[in-house]
Amino acid sequence: MFVRRKKNRSGTTSVVVVDKHGGKFKELHTVGVASDEQEVAALCEKGKEWIKSHLGILEFDFESADSKALEEERATAVLNNIDAILLNGAKLILDKVYDSIGFNRIGDSVLRNLVAARLCQPMSKMATAEYLKSHFDEDVSLSKIYRYLDKLYNTQQETVQRISVEHTLSVLGGRVEMLFYDVTSLYFESFAEDDLRAPGFSKDGKTAETQIILGLLVCENGYPLSYSIYNGAQYEGYTMIPIIDDFKQRFGLDDFVVVADSGFMIKRNLSMLRSGGYKFIVGGRIRKVDSETAKWIMSLPHEDGQYHERVLDNGDRLIVSYSSKRAAKDAINRTKGVERLRKAFASGKITKDKINKRGYSKFLEIDNDVDVSICEAKIREDEKWDGLKGYVTNTSLPPDEVVAQYHGLWVVERAFRISKGTIETRPIFHFTEKRIEAHVCLCFVAYKVYKELERVIAVLNLGMSVDTVMRIAKTITTIRLKLPLNDKIVAKTMMLTHEQLALKPLFDLLGI
């Protein structure tokens, strides 16, 4: 709505209030006619006052109010026209980041809304539907969510991962140099088993519940690339090669170094990595090497920051380092573990079935196939390895870089922490294979959005974590007003507090 001047044939000028709606202009009010420029200017001011009096929404000046009563009347008129107050600051950010990655190519608003809800307030799908309506005014019914999960599983999983890879490549200059792999377990609040759900070794300590195994590939800086889901009883060592081969085939990338911890250092994996032409860095199981190599390791000086290298019979390089901090930690952990064993032994809780190679139970032994005891010789032998760490590689990288890249595995560990913590990937409440895999895919997208937001925050040097930004953003509201004459909706996002204003550079960069 605005004031317009109209030249008349008589030479006079008409001043009118005009509104544009649907591409057409409509005259709402004739203010008057004048021939003198000063008079025309005065009529224009009257026109502006008319707009104020009828729509105190677009331009509101309390100081020009004739009285306190008029001031209150105008304020009430504005308040009465509020259509909605949305707590959508976080969603405004997440929507822009979601689009910048390329997920808008999916062309379905349900995924967008589910991702935002997962990052803002992870909860059950039923509670998510209510949250989307109450906070963002998004009508996404529970049945619509479930229908979309089926659609995500059937047609969009591949697209999601491809978009993620393409965006990651664009961020990294078109090349992935390091491929970090690890697995975790995701449990269910259920004991029912099927082809996918099964009890197994739980990294969450949920020994009774069924679970699935999630394998995750990430690259430098923790950007997610691909994932795979396995039966809960699957031995994790057998999961690595299939997902790497699949990644290479789907995306045509092979000029990278595979990095994994010692749990994946089995002959089968190393043989398949070599035959597949992959470069790799894996944690070395130095306590299981041959006697000659073990003798060499024991002869090494215990000096911090020193790396020692030995070529193995198969041509791989074994790099060994020593850390006094690691040695102290190893000693403390062993002392605590042995103390627990001694207490259990004293109480009579140690039985034959407790003997295994996991943890500090390795210090137990059986005498005459009957008596269980703690072997002091095993404890003294274990002490010799304190502070020593091995790495096996077929690359030509310098030893210090091999170690540095191996320590980069923390990015996968952090990915799992964020996924299980902020995003709450588990526990899983779905029970069909399709819904389970769709849920994991949704969480994968949410983690990708999280990482991209983290990158943008770093570019802006805001000095905040993603969690802090989200906490503040969730306090930012958008007020929607409905214009009484033309039924238009105008909206304004309110940033009032010091914390909220600190996010303005982020809003500006994202074009919010």
Protein backbone atom coordinates (compact mmCIF):
# COMPACT_ATOMS: atom_id res chain seq x y z
CA MET A 1 0.00 0.00 0.00
CA PHE A 2 1.40 3.38 -0.99
CA VAL A 3 0.56 6.95 -2.02
CA ARG A 4 0.44 7.76 -5.75
CA ARG A 5 0.26 11.06 -7.66
CA LYS A 6 -1.97 11.21 -10.79
CA LYS A 7 -1.74 14.00 -13.35
CA ASN A 8 -5.16 15.14 -14.57
CA ARG A 9 -5.99 16.63 -18.02
CA SER A 10 -6.89 19.88 -16.28
CA GLY A 11 -3.34 20.20 -15.07
CA THR A 12 -4.17 19.36 -11.49
CA THR A 13 -2.73 16.42 -9.54
CA SER A 14 -4.81 13.82 -7.72
CA VAL A 15 -3.33 12.07 -4.70
CA VAL A 16 -4.63 8.54 -4.10
CA VAL A 17 -3.81 5.53 -1.91
CA VAL A 18 -3.06 2.48 -4.05
CA ASP A 19 -2.57 -1.19 -3.28
CA LYS A 20 -1.01 -3.84 -5.53
CA HIS A 21 -2.61 -7.26 -5.36
CA GLY A 22 -2.26 -10.16 -7.79
CA GLY A 23 -0.19 -8.02 -10.13
CA LYS A 24 -2.94 -5.40 -10.40
CA PHE A 25 -3.19 -1.93 -8.86
CA LYS A 26 -6.32 -0.91 -6.99
CA GLU A 27 -7.20 2.57 -5.79
CA LEU A 28 -8.38 2.37 -2.18
CA HIS A 29 -8.84 6.05 -1.28
CA THR A 30 -8.74 9.48 -2.98
CA VAL A 31 -7.00 11.94 -0.65
CA GLY A 32 -7.63 15.07 -2.72
CA VAL A 33 -6.78 17.24 -5.77
CA ALA A 34 -4.37 20.16 -5.89
CA SER A 35 -2.60 22.33 -8.45
CA ASP A 36 0.20 23.68 -6.26
CA GLU A 37 3.21 21.50 -5.49
CA GLN A 38 3.12 22.46 -1.84
CA GLU A 39 -0.52 21.45 -1.63
CA VAL A 40 0.24 18.16 -3.40
CA ALA A 41 2.97 17.44 -0.88
CA ALA A 42 0.54 18.13 1.95
CA LEU A 43 -1.99 15.72 0.40
CA CYS A 44 0.71 13.06 0.18
CA GLU A 45 1.33 13.39 3.90
CA LYS A 46 -2.40 13.04 4.51
CA GLY A 47 -2.35 9.88 2.39
CA LYS A 48 0.41 8.42 4.54
CA GLU A 49 -1.56 9.25 7.66
CA TRP A 50 -4.60 7.51 6.14
CA ILE A 51 -2.51 4.37 5.62
CA LYS A 52 -1.32 4.57 9.21
CA SER A 53 -4.83 4.95 10.58
CA HIS A 54 -6.20 2.05 8.57
CA LEU A 55 -3.18 -0.28 8.68
CA GLY A 56 -1.04 0.52 11.68
CA ILE A 57 0.91 -2.56 10.60
CA LEU A 58 3.13 -1.31 7.82
CA GLU A 59 4.29 1.93 9.38
CA PHE A 60 3.69 2.59 13.04
CA ASP A 61 4.88 5.75 14.78
CA PHE A 62 3.72 6.04 18.37
CA GLU A 63 5.12 9.53 18.73
CA SER A 64 2.71 10.86 16.13
CA ALA A 65 -0.29 9.62 18.08
CA ASP A 66 -2.65 12.42 19.04
CA SER A 67 -3.23 11.05 22.50
CA LYS A 68 -2.55 8.15 24.79
CA ALA A 69 -5.93 6.71 23.88
CA LEU A 70 -5.14 6.75 20.17
CA GLU A 71 -1.73 5.26 20.89
CA GLU A 72 -3.34 2.38 22.79
CA GLU A 73 -5.98 1.94 20.08
CA ARG A 74 -3.37 1.60 17.37
CA ALA A 75 -1.29 -0.83 19.42
CA THR A 76 -4.36 -2.95 20.09
CA ALA A 77 -5.21 -2.95 16.39
CA VAL A 78 -1.75 -4.30 15.59
CA LEU A 79 -1.94 -6.98 18.28
CA ASN A 80 -5.40 -8.06 17.18
CA ASN A 81 -4.08 -8.76 13.70
CA ILE A 82 -1.34 -11.15 14.83
CA ASP A 83 -1.86 -14.35 12.88
CA ALA A 84 0.81 -16.49 14.58
CA ILE A 85 3.96 -16.35 16.69
CA LEU A 86 6.39 -19.04 15.59
CA LEU A 87 9.43 -20.31 17.50
CA ASN A 88 11.15 -20.97 14.21
CA GLY A 89 14.57 -19.31 14.41
CA ALA A 90 16.36 -22.68 14.34
CA LYS A 91 14.28 -23.96 11.45
CA LEU A 92 15.01 -20.85 9.39
CA ILE A 93 18.72 -21.62 9.75
CA LEU A 94 18.38 -25.35 9.13
CA ASP A 95 16.21 -24.87 6.04
CA LYS A 96 18.85 -22.65 4.44
CA VAL A 97 21.68 -25.07 5.27
CA TYR A 98 19.56 -27.98 4.01
CA ASP A 99 19.08 -26.17 0.68
CA SER A 100 22.75 -25.18 0.39
CA ILE A 101 23.77 -28.85 0.59
CA GLY A 102 21.35 -29.73 -2.18
CA PHE A 103 18.78 -31.78 -0.30
CA ASN A 104 16.05 -29.55 -1.73
CA ARG A 105 16.54 -31.61 -4.90
CA ILE A 106 14.60 -34.35 -3.13
CA GLY A 107 11.53 -32.19 -3.65
CA ASP A 108 9.60 -33.36 -0.60
CA SER A 109 8.93 -31.02 2.30
CA VAL A 110 8.38 -33.90 4.73
CA LEU A 111 12.09 -34.79 4.77
CA ARG A 112 13.00 -31.14 5.33
CA ASN A 113 10.62 -30.90 8.30
CA LEU A 114 11.70 -34.22 9.82
CA VAL A 115 15.37 -33.22 9.62
CA ALA A 116 14.67 -29.87 11.30
CA ALA A 117 12.69 -31.55 14.07
CA ARG A 118 15.40 -34.18 14.57
CA LEU A 119 18.01 -31.44 15.12
CA CYS A 120 15.75 -29.16 17.17
CA GLN A 121 13.90 -31.65 19.35
CA PRO A 122 14.51 -35.34 18.61
CA MET A 123 11.57 -37.45 19.74
CA SER A 124 9.12 -40.07 18.59
CA LYS A 125 7.44 -39.66 15.23
CA MET A 126 4.10 -38.97 16.94
CA ALA A 127 5.61 -36.25 19.13
CA THR A 128 7.46 -34.89 16.08
CA ALA A 129 4.17 -34.31 14.25
CA GLU A 130 2.87 -32.30 17.22
CA TYR A 131 6.14 -30.35 17.53
CA LEU A 132 6.13 -29.35 13.87
CA LYS A 133 2.62 -27.95 14.20
CA SER A 134 3.07 -26.13 17.49
CA HIS A 135 6.47 -24.57 16.73
CA PHE A 136 6.62 -24.16 12.95
CA ASP A 137 2.93 -24.28 11.90
CA GLU A 138 3.73 -27.26 9.65
CA ASP A 139 0.88 -29.71 9.17
CA VAL A 140 2.64 -33.08 8.93
CA SER A 141 0.41 -35.87 10.19
CA LEU A 142 1.77 -39.09 11.71
CA SER A 143 0.37 -41.12 8.81
CA LYS A 144 2.10 -38.80 6.35
CA ILE A 145 5.39 -39.28 8.20
CA TYR A 146 5.11 -43.06 8.01
CA ARG A 147 4.17 -42.95 4.32
CA TYR A 148 7.22 -40.79 3.69
CA LEU A 149 9.54 -43.17 5.54
CA ASP A 150 8.45 -45.90 3.13
CA LYS A 151 9.09 -43.56 0.21
CA LEU A 152 12.51 -42.64 1.60
CA TYR A 153 13.49 -46.29 1.83
CA ASN A 154 12.21 -47.23 -1.63
CA THR A 155 13.31 -44.34 -3.82
CA GLN A 156 15.38 -41.69 -2.06
CA GLN A 157 18.12 -43.37 0.00
CA GLU A 158 20.54 -43.45 -2.91
CA THR A 159 19.77 -39.83 -3.82
CA VAL A 160 20.40 -38.71 -0.23
CA GLN A 161 23.86 -40.28 -0.10
CA ARG A 162 24.78 -39.04 -3.57
CA ILE A 163 23.86 -35.45 -2.66
CA SER A 164 25.94 -35.76 0.51
CA VAL A 165 28.99 -37.03 -1.39
CA GLU A 166 28.69 -34.40 -4.12
CA HIS A 167 28.45 -31.58 -1.57
CA THR A 168 31.38 -32.94 0.43
CA LEU A 169 33.51 -33.09 -2.71
CA SER A 170 32.64 -29.48 -3.50
CA VAL A 171 33.71 -28.41 0.00
CA LEU A 172 36.98 -30.39 -0.21
CA GLY A 173 37.94 -29.18 -3.69
CA GLY A 174 36.78 -32.27 -5.55
CA ARG A 175 38.91 -34.89 -3.78
CA VAL A 176 38.62 -37.15 -0.75
CA GLU A 177 42.06 -38.02 0.60
CA MET A 178 41.22 -39.90 3.81
CA LEU A 179 38.37 -42.34 4.32
CA PHE A 180 37.73 -43.09 7.99
CA TYR A 181 35.64 -46.13 8.88
CA ASP A 182 34.14 -47.39 12.12
CA VAL A 183 31.03 -49.11 13.39
CA THR A 184 28.67 -48.71 16.29
CA SER A 185 25.61 -50.49 17.60
CA LEU A 186 22.08 -49.06 17.75
CA TYR A 187 19.73 -50.78 20.15
CA PHE A 188 15.96 -51.25 20.26
CA GLU A 189 13.61 -51.11 23.22
CA SER A 190 12.63 -54.63 22.30
CA PHE A 191 13.84 -58.21 22.66
CA ALA A 192 12.18 -59.45 19.45
CA GLU A 193 14.62 -60.80 16.85
CA ASP A 194 14.39 -60.96 13.05
CA ASP A 195 16.73 -60.97 10.05
CA LEU A 196 18.07 -57.51 10.97
CA ARG A 197 17.57 -57.15 14.71
CA ALA A 198 19.60 -59.47 16.90
CA PRO A 199 21.50 -59.38 20.18
CA GLY A 200 25.25 -58.91 19.92
CA PHE A 201 28.20 -57.04 21.37
CA SER A 202 26.65 -53.68 22.34
CA LYS A 203 28.78 -50.53 22.49
CA ASP A 204 25.99 -48.94 24.53
CA GLY A 205 26.10 -51.61 27.21
CA LYS A 206 22.63 -52.92 26.22
CA THR A 207 23.44 -56.60 26.47
CA ALA A 208 19.85 -57.85 26.55
CA GLU A 209 18.17 -55.71 23.87
CA THR A 210 18.31 -56.48 20.17
CA GLN A 211 20.40 -54.19 17.98
CA ILE A 212 21.70 -53.41 14.51
CA ILE A 213 25.25 -52.58 13.45
CA LEU A 214 25.84 -49.25 11.70
CA GLY A 215 28.96 -48.80 9.58
CA LEU A 216 29.85 -45.19 8.76
CA LEU A 217 32.30 -43.71 6.27
CA VAL A 218 33.47 -40.15 6.87
CA CYS A 219 36.30 -38.11 5.40
CA GLU A 220 38.41 -35.19 6.53
CA ASN A 221 36.72 -32.95 9.14
CA GLY A 222 34.11 -35.62 9.81
CA TYR A 223 31.96 -34.99 6.72
CA PRO A 224 29.71 -38.05 6.25
CA LEU A 225 29.92 -39.95 2.96
CA SER A 226 28.08 -43.24 3.21
CA TYR A 227 26.68 -45.78 5.66
CA SER A 228 25.55 -49.39 5.78
CA ILE A 229 23.38 -51.36 8.18
CA TYR A 230 24.14 -54.93 9.30
CA ASN A 231 22.54 -57.61 11.43
CA GLY A 232 23.06 -56.96 15.13
CA ALA A 233 25.08 -60.14 15.60
CA GLN A 234 27.43 -59.37 12.68
CA TYR A 235 31.16 -59.46 13.48
CA GLU A 236 32.26 -55.87 12.91
CA GLY A 237 35.53 -56.91 11.27
CA TYR A 238 33.61 -58.25 8.26
CA THR A 239 31.70 -55.00 7.61
CA MET A 240 34.49 -52.78 6.30
CA ILE A 241 35.32 -54.15 2.85
CA PRO A 242 31.70 -54.32 1.53
CA ILE A 243 30.94 -50.67 2.33
CA ILE A 244 34.26 -49.42 0.89
CA ASP A 245 33.82 -51.45 -2.31
CA ASP A 246 30.25 -50.18 -2.63
CA PHE A 247 31.37 -46.59 -2.10
CA LYS A 248 34.08 -46.90 -4.73
CA GLN A 249 31.70 -48.46 -7.27
CA ARG A 250 28.86 -45.98 -6.76
CA PHE A 251 30.88 -42.78 -6.79
CA GLY A 252 33.94 -43.69 -8.84
CA LEU A 253 36.38 -42.56 -6.17
CA ASP A 254 39.47 -44.60 -5.36
CA ASP A 255 42.34 -42.19 -4.71
CA PHE A 256 42.00 -42.28 -0.94
CA VAL A 257 43.58 -43.88 2.11
CA VAL A 258 41.36 -46.13 4.24
CA VAL A 259 41.85 -45.53 7.97
CA ALA A 260 40.45 -47.94 10.58
CA ASP A 261 41.26 -49.07 14.11
CA SER A 262 42.86 -52.34 15.12
CA GLY A 263 39.49 -54.10 15.33
CA PHE A 264 39.52 -54.29 11.53
CA MET A 265 43.11 -55.56 11.30
CA ILE A 266 42.33 -59.11 10.32
CA LYS A 267 44.16 -61.02 7.58
CA ARG A 268 41.02 -61.22 5.49
CA ASN A 269 40.54 -57.43 5.45
CA LEU A 270 44.18 -56.58 4.76
CA SER A 271 44.33 -59.13 1.96
CA MET A 272 41.19 -57.73 0.35
CA LEU A 273 42.43 -54.15 0.72
CA ARG A 274 45.66 -55.05 -1.04
CA SER A 275 43.93 -57.01 -3.81
CA GLY A 276 41.49 -54.14 -4.31
CA GLY A 277 44.35 -51.70 -4.77
CA TYR A 278 43.46 -49.68 -1.68
CA LYS A 279 45.91 -47.73 0.44
CA PHE A 280 45.33 -48.16 4.15
CA ILE A 281 46.35 -47.23 7.68
CA VAL A 282 45.08 -49.52 10.46
CA GLY A 283 45.84 -49.93 14.11
CA GLY A 284 48.44 -52.66 14.62
CA ARG A 285 47.88 -55.57 16.99
CA ILE A 286 51.46 -55.50 18.18
CA ARG A 287 50.92 -58.04 20.96
CA LYS A 288 50.07 -60.69 18.38
CA VAL A 289 53.07 -60.27 16.09
CA ASP A 290 55.67 -63.00 15.53
CA SER A 291 58.44 -63.53 18.06
CA GLU A 292 61.11 -61.71 16.05
CA THR A 293 58.95 -58.60 15.63
CA ALA A 294 57.94 -58.73 19.28
CA LYS A 295 61.61 -58.89 20.29
CA TRP A 296 62.28 -55.84 18.09
CA ILE A 297 59.43 -53.91 19.70
CA MET A 298 60.65 -54.73 23.22
CA SER A 299 64.11 -53.42 22.30
CA LEU A 300 62.84 -49.98 21.27
CA PRO A 301 63.67 -46.99 23.49
CA HIS A 302 60.75 -45.54 25.40
CA GLU A 303 61.01 -41.97 24.17
CA ASP A 304 58.11 -39.62 23.54
CA GLY A 305 57.73 -38.38 19.98
CA GLN A 306 59.92 -41.06 18.44
CA TYR A 307 58.71 -43.35 15.63
CA HIS A 308 60.26 -46.68 14.73
CA GLU A 309 59.59 -48.55 11.52
CA ARG A 310 59.91 -52.18 10.40
CA VAL A 311 58.96 -53.71 7.03
CA LEU A 312 56.87 -56.85 7.48
CA ASP A 313 57.17 -60.02 5.41
CA ASN A 314 54.17 -59.02 3.25
CA GLY A 315 55.70 -55.64 2.43
CA ASP A 316 53.51 -53.60 4.79
CA ARG A 317 55.16 -51.13 7.17
CA LEU A 318 54.79 -51.48 10.94
CA ILE A 319 55.27 -48.18 12.77
CA VAL A 320 55.58 -48.19 16.56
CA SER A 321 55.52 -45.19 18.88
CA TYR A 322 55.74 -44.72 22.63
CA SER A 323 53.87 -42.23 24.80
CA SER A 324 54.52 -41.71 28.50
CA LYS A 325 50.98 -40.38 28.91
CA ARG A 326 49.62 -43.51 27.25
CA ALA A 327 51.84 -45.63 29.50
CA ALA A 328 50.47 -43.94 32.63
CA LYS A 329 46.92 -44.40 31.40
CA ASP A 330 47.52 -48.06 30.57
CA ALA A 331 48.92 -48.65 34.07
CA ILE A 332 46.01 -46.90 35.81
CA ASN A 333 43.40 -48.76 33.77
CA ARG A 334 45.08 -52.11 34.41
CA THR A 335 45.32 -51.41 38.15
CA LYS A 336 41.61 -50.61 38.30
CA GLY A 337 40.71 -53.66 36.22
CA VAL A 338 42.84 -56.05 38.29
CA GLU A 339 41.41 -54.60 41.50
CA ARG A 340 37.91 -55.38 40.29
CA LEU A 341 39.07 -58.91 39.44
CA ARG A 342 40.56 -59.38 42.90
CA LYS A 343 37.34 -58.22 44.58
CA ALA A 344 35.27 -60.55 42.42
CA PHE A 345 37.71 -63.39 43.12
CA ALA A 346 37.58 -62.78 46.87
CA SER A 347 33.79 -62.82 46.83
CA GLY A 348 33.71 -66.09 44.91
CA LYS A 349 32.08 -64.59 41.80
CA ILE A 350 34.88 -65.71 39.46
CA THR A 351 33.90 -68.89 37.63
CA LYS A 352 35.08 -70.74 34.52
CA ASP A 353 32.51 -69.01 32.32
CA LYS A 354 34.07 -65.62 33.21
CA ILE A 355 37.34 -66.46 31.46
CA ASN A 356 37.67 -64.85 28.04
CA LYS A 357 40.05 -62.62 26.17
CA ARG A 358 38.00 -59.46 26.68
CA GLY A 359 39.16 -56.73 28.99
CA TYR A 360 41.03 -57.74 32.09
CA SER A 361 39.52 -61.22 32.23
CA LYS A 362 42.57 -62.15 30.14
CA PHE A 363 44.53 -62.24 33.42
CA LEU A 364 42.48 -65.22 34.65
CA GLU A 365 43.60 -68.80 34.24
CA ILE A 366 42.32 -72.29 35.08
CA ASP A 367 44.38 -74.75 37.08
CA ASN A 368 43.74 -78.42 36.39
CA ASP A 369 40.60 -77.44 34.48
CA VAL A 370 38.93 -76.73 37.80
CA ASP A 371 40.36 -73.88 39.85
CA VAL A 372 40.18 -70.31 38.56
CA SER A 373 42.85 -67.86 39.65
CA ILE A 374 44.49 -64.55 38.75
CA CYS A 375 47.78 -65.03 36.90
CA GLU A 376 50.38 -62.60 38.21
CA ALA A 377 52.79 -63.53 35.39
CA LYS A 378 50.24 -62.36 32.80
CA ILE A 379 49.92 -59.04 34.60
CA ARG A 380 53.71 -58.53 34.61
CA GLU A 381 53.86 -59.42 30.90
CA ASP A 382 51.12 -56.92 30.13
CA GLU A 383 53.10 -54.16 31.87
CA LYS A 384 55.88 -54.45 29.28
CA TRP A 385 53.56 -53.08 26.58
CA ASP A 386 52.47 -49.96 28.45
CA GLY A 387 52.64 -46.84 26.27
CA LEU A 388 53.37 -48.72 23.03
CA LYS A 389 51.13 -48.34 20.00
CA GLY A 390 51.45 -49.86 16.54
CA TYR A 391 50.22 -48.82 13.10
CA VAL A 392 50.25 -50.86 9.90
CA THR A 393 50.21 -49.19 6.48
CA ASN A 394 51.02 -49.84 2.84
CA THR A 395 51.37 -46.12 2.08
CA SER A 396 54.62 -44.20 1.58
CA LEU A 397 53.60 -41.50 4.08
CA PRO A 398 56.18 -40.48 6.69
CA PRO A 399 55.69 -42.19 10.08
CA ASP A 400 54.53 -39.04 11.86
CA GLU A 401 51.87 -38.42 9.19
CA VAL A 402 50.71 -42.06 9.38
CA VAL A 403 50.17 -41.65 13.13
CA ALA A 404 48.50 -38.26 12.68
CA GLN A 405 46.06 -39.62 10.09
CA TYR A 406 45.25 -42.63 12.28
CA HIS A 407 44.41 -40.32 15.16
CA GLY A 408 41.97 -38.66 12.76
CA LEU A 409 39.63 -41.57 13.55
CA TRP A 410 38.25 -39.36 16.31
CA VAL A 411 36.07 -37.72 13.66
CA VAL A 412 34.10 -40.96 13.30
CA GLU A 413 33.85 -41.34 17.07
CA ARG A 414 32.57 -37.77 17.28
CA ALA A 415 30.07 -38.48 14.49
CA PHE A 416 28.67 -41.35 16.54
CA ARG A 417 28.53 -39.18 19.68
CA ILE A 418 26.59 -36.46 17.85
CA SER A 419 24.31 -39.01 16.18
CA LYS A 420 23.54 -40.78 19.44
CA GLY A 421 23.45 -37.62 21.54
CA THR A 422 22.18 -34.53 19.72
CA ILE A 423 20.26 -36.41 17.01
CA GLU A 424 19.25 -39.37 19.25
CA THR A 425 19.50 -42.04 16.59
CA ARG A 426 18.85 -44.61 19.27
CA PRO A 427 16.91 -46.22 20.79
CA ILE A 428 15.00 -47.16 17.63
CA PHE A 429 11.27 -47.68 18.01
CA HIS A 430 10.54 -48.95 14.49
CA PHE A 431 10.25 -52.68 13.89
CA THR A 432 10.13 -53.25 10.13
CA GLU A 433 13.34 -53.32 8.11
CA LYS A 434 12.15 -50.55 5.78
CA ARG A 435 11.24 -48.18 8.61
CA ILE A 436 14.48 -48.92 10.48
CA GLU A 437 16.63 -48.15 7.44
CA ALA A 438 14.56 -45.03 6.65
CA HIS A 439 15.05 -43.81 10.23
CA VAL A 440 18.84 -44.26 9.93
CA CYS A 441 18.80 -42.43 6.59
CA LEU A 442 16.90 -39.53 8.17
CA CYS A 443 19.48 -39.31 10.94
CA PHE A 444 22.27 -39.43 8.33
CA VAL A 445 20.78 -36.37 6.58
CA ALA A 446 20.41 -34.60 9.94
CA TYR A 447 24.07 -35.25 10.75
CA LYS A 448 25.13 -33.91 7.35
CA VAL A 449 23.15 -30.71 7.96
CA TYR A 450 24.73 -30.47 11.43
CA LYS A 451 28.24 -30.73 9.96
CA GLU A 452 27.58 -28.15 7.26
CA LEU A 453 26.18 -25.72 9.82
CA GLU A 454 29.30 -26.33 11.88
CA ARG A 455 31.45 -25.46 8.86
CA VAL A 456 29.50 -22.25 8.15
CA ILE A 457 29.80 -21.17 11.79
CA ALA A 458 33.57 -21.71 11.59
CA VAL A 459 33.78 -19.66 8.37
CA LEU A 460 32.03 -16.78 10.15
CA ASN A 461 34.27 -17.21 13.19
CA LEU A 462 31.30 -16.86 15.52
CA GLY A 463 33.09 -18.65 18.33
CA MET A 464 30.06 -20.85 19.05
CA SER A 465 29.29 -24.53 18.77
CA VAL A 466 26.37 -25.82 16.74
CA ASP A 467 24.57 -26.72 19.96
CA THR A 468 24.95 -23.15 21.26
CA VAL A 469 23.70 -21.65 18.00
CA MET A 470 20.70 -23.99 18.03
CA ARG A 471 19.92 -23.17 21.67
CA ILE A 472 19.87 -19.44 20.92
CA ALA A 473 18.07 -19.82 17.60
CA LYS A 474 15.24 -21.74 19.26
CA THR A 475 14.42 -18.57 21.23
CA ILE A 476 14.06 -16.44 18.09
CA THR A 477 10.45 -15.91 17.02
CA THR A 478 8.72 -14.84 13.85
CA ILE A 479 5.58 -12.73 14.21
CA ARG A 480 3.00 -12.99 11.44
CA LEU A 481 0.40 -10.25 10.90
CA LYS A 482 -2.66 -10.46 8.71
CA LEU A 483 -3.49 -7.24 6.87
CA PRO A 484 -7.22 -6.60 7.38
CA LEU A 485 -8.02 -5.01 4.01
CA ASN A 486 -6.31 -7.31 1.53
CA ASP A 487 -5.79 -10.52 3.58
CA LYS A 488 -2.05 -10.46 3.00
CA ILE A 489 0.33 -11.90 5.57
CA VAL A 490 3.43 -9.96 6.59
CA ALA A 491 6.07 -11.49 8.83
CA LYS A 492 9.05 -10.29 10.80
CA THR A 493 11.69 -12.37 12.57
CA MET A 494 12.49 -10.79 15.93
CA MET A 495 16.09 -10.63 17.19
CA LEU A 496 16.04 -8.62 20.41
CA THR A 497 18.45 -9.99 23.00
CA HIS A 498 22.24 -9.73 22.95
CA GLU A 499 22.52 -13.48 22.30
CA GLN A 500 20.03 -13.37 19.46
CA LEU A 501 21.75 -10.43 17.80
CA ALA A 502 25.03 -12.38 17.92
CA LEU A 503 23.50 -14.72 15.32
CA LYS A 504 22.71 -11.90 12.88
CA PRO A 505 25.89 -12.50 10.80
CA LEU A 506 24.74 -16.10 10.33
CA PHE A 507 21.25 -14.99 9.31
CA ASP A 508 22.73 -12.45 6.91
CA LEU A 509 25.09 -14.98 5.32
CA LEU A 510 22.30 -17.49 4.83
CA GLY A 511 19.99 -14.84 3.40
CA ILE A 512 17.31 -15.12 6.07
